[in-house]
Structure formats: C-alpha cells, structure tokens
C-alpha atoms as a PDB file:
ATOM      1  CA  MET A   1       0.668  -1.189 -79.646  1.00  0.00           C
ATOM      2  CA  ARG A   2      -0.573  -0.454 -83.081  1.00  0.00           C
ATOM      3  CA  GLY A   3       1.576   0.041 -86.268  1.00  0.00           C
ATOM      4  CA  LEU A   4       5.229  -1.227 -86.967  1.00  0.00           C
ATOM      5  CA  GLU A   5       6.571   2.320 -86.614  1.00  0.00           C
ATOM      6  CA  SER A   6       5.662   2.168 -82.914  1.00  0.00           C
ATOM      7  CA  CYS A   7       7.243  -1.144 -82.046  1.00  0.00           C
ATOM      8  CA  TYR A   8      11.008  -0.603 -82.430  1.00  0.00           C
ATOM      9  CA  MET A   9      13.166   0.695 -79.672  1.00  0.00           C
ATOM     10  CA  SER A  10      16.767   0.542 -78.748  1.00  0.00           C
ATOM     11  CA  LEU A  11      17.865  -1.330 -75.630  1.00  0.00           C
ATOM     12  CA  ALA A  12      21.170  -0.829 -73.823  1.00  0.00           C
ATOM     13  CA  LEU A  13      22.526  -3.660 -71.283  1.00  0.00           C
ATOM     14  CA  ALA A  14      25.736  -3.590 -69.427  1.00  0.00           C
ATOM     15  CA  GLY A  15      28.529  -1.848 -71.061  1.00  0.00           C
ATOM     16  CA  PRO A  16      28.372  -0.378 -74.711  1.00  0.00           C
ATOM     17  CA  SER A  17      25.922  -3.115 -75.874  1.00  0.00           C
ATOM     18  CA  VAL A  18      22.952  -1.694 -77.663  1.00  0.00           C
ATOM     19  CA  ARG A  19      20.429  -3.484 -79.947  1.00  0.00           C
ATOM     20  CA  THR A  20      17.227  -2.766 -81.600  1.00  0.00           C
ATOM     21  CA  VAL A  21      14.367  -4.953 -80.187  1.00  0.00           C
ATOM     22  CA  VAL A  22      10.674  -5.251 -80.809  1.00  0.00           C
ATOM     23  CA  CYS A  23       8.365  -4.354 -77.932  1.00  0.00           C
ATOM     24  CA  ARG A  24       5.830  -6.965 -77.625  1.00  0.00           C
ATOM     25  CA  GLY A  25       3.490  -4.770 -75.510  1.00  0.00           C
ATOM     26  CA  PHE A  26       2.515  -5.065 -71.741  1.00  0.00           C
ATOM     27  CA  ALA A  27       2.372  -8.332 -69.766  1.00  0.00           C
ATOM     28  CA  GLY A  28      -1.116  -9.735 -69.436  1.00  0.00           C
ATOM     29  CA  GLN A  29      -2.464  -7.367 -72.134  1.00  0.00           C
ATOM     30  CA  HIS A  30      -3.636  -7.341 -75.637  1.00  0.00           C
ATOM     31  CA  HIS A  31      -4.618  -4.386 -77.803  1.00  0.00           C
ATOM     32  CA  ARG A  32      -7.640  -6.073 -79.117  1.00  0.00           C
ATOM     33  CA  GLU A  33      -8.840  -8.675 -76.633  1.00  0.00           C
ATOM     34  CA  ASP A  34      -9.327  -7.967 -72.838  1.00  0.00           C
ATOM     35  CA  LEU A  35      -7.466 -10.549 -70.680  1.00  0.00           C
ATOM     36  CA  GLY A  36      -8.450  -9.105 -67.319  1.00  0.00           C
ATOM     37  CA  TRP A  37      -4.829  -7.945 -66.284  1.00  0.00           C
ATOM     38  CA  MET A  38      -2.966  -4.675 -66.165  1.00  0.00           C
ATOM     39  CA  SER A  39       0.835  -4.042 -65.673  1.00  0.00           C
ATOM     40  CA  ASN A  40       3.621  -1.604 -66.379  1.00  0.00           C
ATOM     41  CA  VAL A  41       5.903  -4.592 -67.490  1.00  0.00           C
ATOM     42  CA  LEU A  42       7.147  -4.233 -70.980  1.00  0.00           C
ATOM     43  CA  LEU A  43       8.040  -7.474 -72.911  1.00  0.00           C
ATOM     44  CA  VAL A  44      10.664  -8.464 -75.370  1.00  0.00           C
ATOM     45  CA  THR A  45      11.209 -11.923 -76.842  1.00  0.00           C
ATOM     46  CA  THR A  46      14.680 -13.579 -77.458  1.00  0.00           C
ATOM     47  CA  ALA A  47      16.323 -16.988 -77.670  1.00  0.00           C
ATOM     48  CA  LYS A  48      17.701 -18.565 -74.525  1.00  0.00           C
ATOM     49  CA  ASN A  49      21.253 -18.902 -76.122  1.00  0.00           C
ATOM     50  CA  SER A  50      21.342 -15.295 -77.195  1.00  0.00           C
ATOM     51  CA  LEU A  51      24.200 -12.989 -76.109  1.00  0.00           C
ATOM     52  CA  LYS A  52      21.871 -10.647 -74.485  1.00  0.00           C
ATOM     53  CA  VAL A  53      20.771 -13.221 -71.972  1.00  0.00           C
ATOM     54  CA  SER A  54      24.171 -13.889 -70.763  1.00  0.00           C
ATOM     55  CA  ARG A  55      24.782 -10.069 -70.427  1.00  0.00           C
ATOM     56  CA  ILE A  56      21.635  -9.635 -68.195  1.00  0.00           C
ATOM     57  CA  GLN A  57      22.987 -12.233 -65.926  1.00  0.00           C
ATOM     58  CA  GLU A  58      26.027  -9.976 -65.387  1.00  0.00           C
ATOM     59  CA  TRP A  59      24.045  -6.773 -65.012  1.00  0.00           C
ATOM     60  CA  ASN A  60      20.203  -6.460 -65.173  1.00  0.00           C
ATOM     61  CA  LYS A  61      19.888  -2.797 -65.677  1.00  0.00           C
ATOM     62  CA  TYR A  62      18.915  -1.187 -68.886  1.00  0.00           C
ATOM     63  CA  GLU A  63      18.365   2.052 -70.714  1.00  0.00           C
ATOM     64  CA  ILE A  64      15.858   2.457 -73.542  1.00  0.00           C
ATOM     65  CA  CYS A  65      15.533   5.289 -76.139  1.00  0.00           C
ATOM     66  CA  TRP A  66      12.039   4.745 -77.688  1.00  0.00           C
ATOM     67  CA  TYR A  67      11.088   7.170 -80.542  1.00  0.00           C
ATOM     68  CA  MET A  68       7.412   7.159 -81.838  1.00  0.00           C
ATOM     69  CA  PHE A  69       7.734   8.272 -85.604  1.00  0.00           C
ATOM     70  CA  GLY A  70       4.057   8.943 -86.078  1.00  0.00           C
ATOM     71  CA  THR A  71       3.623  11.190 -83.178  1.00  0.00           C
ATOM     72  CA  GLN A  72       7.276  12.445 -82.956  1.00  0.00           C
ATOM     73  CA  GLU A  73       7.583  11.622 -79.314  1.00  0.00           C
ATOM     74  CA  GLN A  74      10.543  10.167 -77.404  1.00  0.00           C
ATOM     75  CA  PHE A  75      10.461   7.982 -74.329  1.00  0.00           C
ATOM     76  CA  ARG A  76      13.785   7.423 -72.494  1.00  0.00           C
ATOM     77  CA  LEU A  77      13.331   4.713 -69.873  1.00  0.00           C
ATOM     78  CA  THR A  78      15.613   3.126 -67.173  1.00  0.00           C
ATOM     79  CA  GLY A  79      14.934   0.175 -65.156  1.00  0.00           C
ATOM     80  CA  HIS A  80      15.639  -3.551 -64.560  1.00  0.00           C
ATOM     81  CA  VAL A  81      15.162  -6.390 -66.897  1.00  0.00           C
ATOM     82  CA  HIS A  82      14.375 -10.172 -65.813  1.00  0.00           C
ATOM     83  CA  VAL A  83      14.638 -13.239 -68.041  1.00  0.00           C
ATOM     84  CA  PHE A  84      11.943 -15.681 -67.952  1.00  0.00           C
ATOM     85  CA  PRO A  85      12.400 -18.602 -67.563  1.00  0.00           C
ATOM     86  CA  PRO A  86      15.579 -17.800 -65.612  1.00  0.00           C
ATOM     87  CA  PRO A  87      18.670 -19.432 -67.216  1.00  0.00           C
ATOM     88  CA  ALA A  88      19.885 -22.802 -65.609  1.00  0.00           C
ATOM     89  CA  HIS A  89      22.287 -22.401 -62.549  1.00  0.00           C
ATOM     90  CA  THR A  90      21.221 -18.812 -61.817  1.00  0.00           C
ATOM     91  CA  THR A  91      19.337 -17.314 -58.915  1.00  0.00           C
ATOM     92  CA  PRO A  92      16.147 -15.958 -60.132  1.00  0.00           C
ATOM     93  CA  HIS A  93      15.338 -12.406 -59.016  1.00  0.00           C
ATOM     94  CA  ASP A  94      11.769 -11.607 -57.764  1.00  0.00           C
ATOM     95  CA  LEU A  95       9.487 -11.225 -60.829  1.00  0.00           C
ATOM     96  CA  PRO A  96       7.421  -8.207 -61.328  1.00  0.00           C
ATOM     97  CA  GLU A  97       3.953  -8.137 -60.185  1.00  0.00           C
ATOM     98  CA  VAL A  98       0.984  -7.898 -62.547  1.00  0.00           C
ATOM     99  CA  THR A  99      -2.517  -6.876 -61.350  1.00  0.00           C
ATOM    100  CA  ARG A 100      -5.773  -8.775 -62.109  1.00  0.00           C
ATOM    101  CA  VAL A 101      -8.672  -6.297 -62.783  1.00  0.00           C
ATOM    102  CA  ARG A 102     -11.333  -8.755 -63.777  1.00  0.00           C
ATOM    103  CA  THR A 103     -11.878 -12.395 -64.588  1.00  0.00           C
ATOM    104  CA  VAL A 104     -12.065 -13.433 -68.268  1.00  0.00           C
ATOM    105  CA  ALA A 105     -12.981 -16.703 -69.507  1.00  0.00           C
ATOM    106  CA  PRO A 106     -11.077 -18.618 -72.346  1.00  0.00           C
ATOM    107  CA  ASP A 107     -14.228 -18.587 -74.486  1.00  0.00           C
ATOM    108  CA  GLN A 108     -14.558 -14.739 -74.478  1.00  0.00           C
ATOM    109  CA  VAL A 109     -11.424 -14.392 -76.590  1.00  0.00           C
ATOM    110  CA  ASP A 110     -10.680 -15.538 -80.161  1.00  0.00           C
ATOM    111  CA  LEU A 111      -6.984 -15.656 -80.572  1.00  0.00           C
ATOM    112  CA  VAL A 112      -5.385 -19.074 -79.751  1.00  0.00           C
ATOM    113  CA  ALA A 113      -2.592 -17.360 -77.919  1.00  0.00           C
ATOM    114  CA  ASN A 114      -4.892 -15.546 -75.464  1.00  0.00           C
ATOM    115  CA  LYS A 115      -7.087 -18.695 -75.051  1.00  0.00           C
ATOM    116  CA  SER A 116      -4.048 -20.706 -73.991  1.00  0.00           C
ATOM    117  CA  PHE A 117      -3.027 -17.790 -71.527  1.00  0.00           C
ATOM    118  CA  LEU A 118      -6.456 -17.791 -69.971  1.00  0.00           C
ATOM    119  CA  LEU A 119      -6.779 -21.578 -69.845  1.00  0.00           C
ATOM    120  CA  ARG A 120      -3.624 -21.827 -67.792  1.00  0.00           C
ATOM    121  CA  GLN A 121      -4.153 -18.708 -65.784  1.00  0.00           C
ATOM    122  CA  SER A 122      -7.811 -19.571 -64.801  1.00  0.00           C
ATOM    123  CA  SER A 123      -6.591 -21.955 -62.083  1.00  0.00           C
ATOM    124  CA  GLN A 124      -4.144 -19.747 -60.423  1.00  0.00           C
ATOM    125  CA  PRO A 125      -4.828 -16.523 -58.513  1.00  0.00           C
ATOM    126  CA  ALA A 126      -1.443 -14.955 -59.089  1.00  0.00           C
ATOM    127  CA  PHE A 127       0.007 -14.056 -62.507  1.00  0.00           C
ATOM    128  CA  ASP A 128       1.536 -17.064 -64.346  1.00  0.00           C
ATOM    129  CA  TRP A 129       4.632 -15.920 -66.217  1.00  0.00           C
ATOM    130  CA  GLU A 130       4.721 -19.270 -67.917  1.00  0.00           C
ATOM    131  CA  ALA A 131       1.248 -18.484 -69.340  1.00  0.00           C
ATOM    132  CA  GLU A 132       2.530 -15.282 -70.545  1.00  0.00           C
ATOM    133  CA  ARG A 133       5.518 -16.937 -72.125  1.00  0.00           C
ATOM    134  CA  ARG A 134       3.187 -19.221 -74.031  1.00  0.00           C
ATOM    135  CA  ARG A 135       1.113 -16.341 -75.035  1.00  0.00           C
ATOM    136  CA  GLN A 136       3.966 -14.362 -76.554  1.00  0.00           C
ATOM    137  CA  PHE A 137       5.302 -17.479 -78.346  1.00  0.00           C
ATOM    138  CA  ALA A 138       1.934 -18.045 -80.101  1.00  0.00           C
ATOM    139  CA  LEU A 139       1.615 -14.354 -81.125  1.00  0.00           C
ATOM    140  CA  LEU A 140       4.853 -14.509 -83.104  1.00  0.00           C
ATOM    141  CA  ASP A 141       4.419 -14.927 -86.850  1.00  0.00           C
ATOM    142  CA  ASP A 142       5.136 -18.364 -88.338  1.00  0.00           C
ATOM    143  CA  VAL A 143       8.527 -17.513 -89.756  1.00  0.00           C
ATOM    144  CA  LEU A 144       9.884 -15.966 -86.537  1.00  0.00           C
ATOM    145  CA  ARG A 145       8.515 -18.721 -84.429  1.00  0.00           C
ATOM    146  CA  ALA A 146      10.482 -21.261 -86.805  1.00  0.00           C
ATOM    147  CA  SER A 147      13.591 -19.254 -86.207  1.00  0.00           C
ATOM    148  CA  PHE A 148      13.765 -20.420 -82.661  1.00  0.00           C
ATOM    149  CA  CYS A 149      14.155 -24.071 -83.901  1.00  0.00           C
ATOM    150  CA  ASP A 150      17.761 -24.728 -84.777  1.00  0.00           C
ATOM    151  CA  SER A 151      17.044 -27.652 -86.908  1.00  0.00           C
ATOM    152  CA  LEU A 152      14.665 -25.894 -89.296  1.00  0.00           C
ATOM    153  CA  PRO A 153      16.150 -24.110 -92.547  1.00  0.00           C
ATOM    154  CA  ALA A 154      16.107 -20.354 -92.759  1.00  0.00           C
ATOM    155  CA  SER A 155      12.649 -18.944 -93.927  1.00  0.00           C
ATOM    156  CA  SER A 156      10.852 -22.081 -92.730  1.00  0.00           C
ATOM    157  CA  ARG A 157       7.271 -21.589 -91.249  1.00  0.00           C
ATOM    158  CA  LEU A 158       6.053 -23.041 -88.205  1.00  0.00           C
ATOM    159  CA  ALA A 159       2.363 -22.693 -87.853  1.00  0.00           C
ATOM    160  CA  ILE A 160       0.110 -23.393 -84.866  1.00  0.00           C
ATOM    161  CA  THR A 161      -2.891 -25.383 -85.707  1.00  0.00           C
ATOM    162  CA  GLY A 162      -4.834 -25.294 -82.348  1.00  0.00           C
ATOM    163  CA  LEU A 163      -4.733 -26.381 -78.748  1.00  0.00           C
ATOM    164  CA  ASP A 164      -4.678 -29.951 -77.138  1.00  0.00           C
ATOM    165  CA  SER A 165      -6.643 -31.237 -74.350  1.00  0.00           C
ATOM    166  CA  HIS A 166      -3.990 -29.674 -71.953  1.00  0.00           C
ATOM    167  CA  GLY A 167      -4.047 -26.223 -73.481  1.00  0.00           C
ATOM    168  CA  TRP A 168      -0.655 -26.722 -75.312  1.00  0.00           C
ATOM    169  CA  PHE A 169      -0.240 -25.709 -78.900  1.00  0.00           C
ATOM    170  CA  THR A 170      -0.460 -28.246 -81.784  1.00  0.00           C
ATOM    171  CA  SER A 171       1.276 -28.156 -85.076  1.00  0.00           C
ATOM    172  CA  ASP A 172       1.799 -30.313 -88.118  1.00  0.00           C
ATOM    173  CA  ASN A 173       5.457 -30.198 -87.186  1.00  0.00           C
ATOM    174  CA  GLN A 174       5.102 -30.954 -83.323  1.00  0.00           C
ATOM    175  CA  ALA A 175       8.693 -31.813 -82.657  1.00  0.00           C
ATOM    176  CA  ALA A 176      10.001 -28.553 -84.180  1.00  0.00           C
ATOM    177  CA  LEU A 177       7.261 -26.562 -82.338  1.00  0.00           C
ATOM    178  CA  ASP A 178       8.249 -28.111 -78.923  1.00  0.00           C
ATOM    179  CA  ALA A 179      11.906 -27.472 -79.764  1.00  0.00           C
ATOM    180  CA  ALA A 180      11.413 -23.888 -80.707  1.00  0.00           C
ATOM    181  CA  TYR A 181       9.451 -23.358 -77.479  1.00  0.00           C
ATOM    182  CA  ALA A 182      12.315 -24.815 -75.490  1.00  0.00           C
ATOM    183  CA  ASN A 183      14.559 -22.142 -76.731  1.00  0.00           C
ATOM    184  CA  PHE A 184      12.254 -19.275 -76.374  1.00  0.00           C
ATOM    185  CA  CYS A 185      12.043 -16.853 -73.514  1.00  0.00           C
ATOM    186  CA  ILE A 186      10.767 -13.439 -72.667  1.00  0.00           C
ATOM    187  CA  LEU A 187      12.495 -10.349 -71.145  1.00  0.00           C
ATOM    188  CA  LEU A 188      10.476  -8.456 -68.566  1.00  0.00           C
ATOM    189  CA  LEU A 189      11.317  -4.853 -68.349  1.00  0.00           C
ATOM    190  CA  THR A 190      10.254  -2.834 -65.321  1.00  0.00           C
ATOM    191  CA  VAL A 191      10.603   0.981 -65.495  1.00  0.00           C
ATOM    192  CA  ASP A 192      12.163   2.969 -62.712  1.00  0.00           C
ATOM    193  CA  HIS A 193      12.234   6.185 -64.401  1.00  0.00           C
ATOM    194  CA  MET A 194      10.736   7.789 -67.666  1.00  0.00           C
ATOM    195  CA  ASP A 195      12.041  10.837 -69.492  1.00  0.00           C
ATOM    196  CA  TYR A 196       9.406  12.151 -71.925  1.00  0.00           C
ATOM    197  CA  LEU A 197      10.242  14.398 -74.868  1.00  0.00           C
ATOM    198  CA  SER A 198       8.129  15.614 -77.856  1.00  0.00           C
ATOM    199  CA  LEU A 199       9.158  17.769 -80.842  1.00  0.00           C
ATOM    200  CA  ALA A 200       6.107  19.868 -80.082  1.00  0.00           C
ATOM    201  CA  GLY A 201       8.205  21.148 -77.085  1.00  0.00           C
ATOM    202  CA  ASP A 202       6.766  19.172 -74.181  1.00  0.00           C
ATOM    203  CA  HIS A 203       9.387  17.642 -71.881  1.00  0.00           C
ATOM    204  CA  ARG A 204       8.596  15.922 -68.535  1.00  0.00           C
ATOM    205  CA  GLN A 205      10.422  13.501 -66.359  1.00  0.00           C
ATOM    206  CA  TYR A 206       8.341  10.733 -64.265  1.00  0.00           C
ATOM    207  CA  PRO A 207       9.771   8.527 -61.441  1.00  0.00           C
ATOM    208  CA  ALA A 208       8.724   4.969 -61.093  1.00  0.00           C
ATOM    209  CA  SER A 209       5.991   5.816 -58.687  1.00  0.00           C
ATOM    210  CA  LEU A 210       4.098   7.500 -61.574  1.00  0.00           C
END
C-alpha cells in the first residue's frame, strides 16, 4: 500500500451505515519489510468503544467500494468482518487464517512495529492476532496513537521509544501508551467476492476462491 490516495475506502456495515476508513494493508505483511506471512485479510483500526464495533456484533457482513485515484480502478468487495480482540461478553467467531511462507528473525527487520510482531510470533507456529494488533498499533503515527487514550488532550503525541525485555513498547508516557492500547482494536476483513472495474473498460468479477 503506497501513497495516501490508495488508502481510503468506504465501508458499509449493517443497514445504511457507511464510513470512510483507512486500509492498513494485509495481515502479516508490510510493503517494505518481509515478515514471512501472506494473507488475503484486509485490516482496519478502530477504538473498542466505537459505534462500528457494536454494529459489527449485530451483523458482521460488509460491502466496500474502493477507488484508486492514481490508476482509476474501482474494487467492490463483499465479505465478513471480525473484531480483534473480541468485545467482552460476545462469542468470538473463528478468526481467518494467515499463511506462513518463511521464517523471518526479528533482527532481519528495522521497524519497531515489525520487530515486536516477530518477537511474539517466533515462539508460535500459528498466526498470532495479538502480535498483529501490536504491530498495527505501533505503525500508527504519534498523534493518531494518542487519540486512543481518552485522558490525553486533542492533538497530543504519543511516541514509542523502543521495546522492553518482554517485547512490549516503551514510551516517555507509559501509562498513556498502555491505556491507548487497551482501547485499540483491529477489524479483520475477509473477502467473499470482488467486482473489479476500471475506466479503461475492463470489468471482471472474482469469487472468493480466486
């Protein structure tokens, strides 16, 4: 995912409830650093107390209309969305699978977000969604990360300074960082069908099996 013009898409949940969200890429993948995983699961970040999370508990199907300004292509996606971690007092759905294609050591990447992911993931054969949640949290910019902490004033910055001995993030304001993470969750979007359209005239439909 490169360039801001390619990151914005419209997400429709149950009923006439549409919002513009930022696609954070695919689970277990980064556009510059190889993490050793591959998936078709799209990621969106949100707060646990957001309205969209409660709507998903009522109906977890979605539709997306995603327009790429630079290439003048449109992707219309339908599928199911999962919240991680699952809200309290709910029955979690089976989480989507992510495929390991190779083993990558933490010292083979530079970004703190990716190091944290690989440190937690290294001891587990199956994909760890908590590791992915941590990675997405660290990939946020400092202002957006601070917005997940209700006690911080608007436009505050909440920087990550490194990793502790347990692989958790450190900060000059550790209490605020921990509070922000407690309110942070990721939405996992699996695709059942894709309708592709370009202004060049190409129009194709793809079932989930493709």
